[in-house]
Amino acid sequence: MDSAAVSGTNNHMPQNIANATIRLAIIKAKKSPLIEYLQKNAKIDVNIVDVRKRLAKITSSMASEAIESRA
């Protein structure tokens, strides 16, 4: 990563903090496997019965998955 480009992002921010901020933004920008799956398999026409059948097959906690993907 070019240090001149990083130091130019914010004159009041130390370079190591700017580098860490940029790395964190890159990590957060990557798609999670769930997002990739949903984008690949999303359909415009949705049948509520099919959705309920698929959701009934989930054995793990969906809340914990959502919380984990947010972090």
Protein backbone atom coordinates (compact mmCIF):
# COMPACT_ATOMS: atom_id res chain seq x y z
CA MET A 1 0.00 0.00 0.00
CA ASP A 2 1.40 3.43 -0.91
CA SER A 3 2.18 5.41 2.24
CA ALA A 4 1.68 8.71 0.41
CA ALA A 5 -1.84 7.71 -0.51
CA VAL A 6 -2.61 6.63 3.05
CA SER A 7 -1.18 9.74 4.68
CA GLY A 8 -3.20 11.88 2.28
CA THR A 9 -6.50 10.44 3.49
CA ASN A 10 -6.55 12.48 6.69
CA ASN A 11 -3.79 14.83 7.81
CA HIS A 12 -4.77 14.52 11.48
CA MET A 13 -4.72 10.70 11.58
CA PRO A 14 -1.47 8.82 12.28
CA GLN A 15 -0.40 6.56 9.44
CA ASN A 16 -0.77 3.30 11.41
CA ILE A 17 -4.37 4.17 12.31
CA ALA A 18 -5.11 5.12 8.70
CA ASN A 19 -3.65 1.78 7.54
CA ALA A 20 -5.75 -0.14 10.07
CA THR A 21 -8.87 1.79 9.06
CA ILE A 22 -8.34 0.98 5.40
CA ARG A 23 -7.70 -2.72 6.16
CA LEU A 24 -10.87 -2.88 8.24
CA ALA A 25 -12.89 -1.28 5.43
CA ILE A 26 -11.54 -3.85 2.97
CA ILE A 27 -12.41 -6.75 5.30
CA LYS A 28 -15.95 -5.42 5.86
CA ALA A 29 -16.45 -4.92 2.11
CA LYS A 30 -15.96 -8.63 1.40
CA LYS A 31 -19.18 -10.55 1.00
CA SER A 32 -20.05 -13.21 3.51
CA PRO A 33 -20.86 -16.70 2.20
CA LEU A 34 -24.51 -16.11 3.15
CA ILE A 35 -24.70 -12.93 1.04
CA GLU A 36 -23.04 -14.67 -1.91
CA TYR A 37 -25.47 -17.59 -1.66
CA LEU A 38 -28.49 -15.29 -1.44
CA GLN A 39 -27.38 -13.22 -4.42
CA LYS A 40 -26.73 -16.34 -6.49
CA ASN A 41 -30.00 -18.08 -5.59
CA ALA A 42 -32.40 -15.16 -5.17
CA LYS A 43 -35.59 -15.35 -7.19
CA ILE A 44 -38.14 -12.64 -7.89
CA ASP A 45 -41.14 -14.96 -7.54
CA VAL A 46 -41.31 -16.28 -3.97
CA ASN A 47 -43.80 -18.82 -2.68
CA ILE A 48 -44.40 -18.43 1.07
CA VAL A 49 -44.99 -22.17 1.50
CA ASP A 50 -41.55 -22.92 0.03
CA VAL A 51 -39.97 -20.32 2.31
CA ARG A 52 -41.61 -21.86 5.39
CA LYS A 53 -40.46 -25.35 4.37
CA ARG A 54 -36.87 -24.18 3.95
CA LEU A 55 -36.86 -22.24 7.21
CA ALA A 56 -38.25 -25.25 9.08
CA LYS A 57 -35.14 -27.24 8.08
CA ILE A 58 -32.76 -24.83 9.83
CA THR A 59 -31.50 -26.40 13.04
CA SER A 60 -29.16 -23.69 14.32
CA SER A 61 -30.02 -20.33 15.83
CA MET A 62 -30.61 -17.75 13.11
CA ALA A 63 -30.14 -14.94 15.63
CA SER A 64 -26.62 -16.09 16.48
CA GLU A 65 -25.78 -16.29 12.78
CA ALA A 66 -27.02 -12.73 12.20
CA ILE A 67 -25.12 -11.40 15.20
CA GLU A 68 -21.95 -13.20 14.11
CA SER A 69 -22.16 -11.86 10.55
CA ARG A 70 -22.62 -8.30 11.85
CA ALA A 71 -19.41 -8.53 13.88
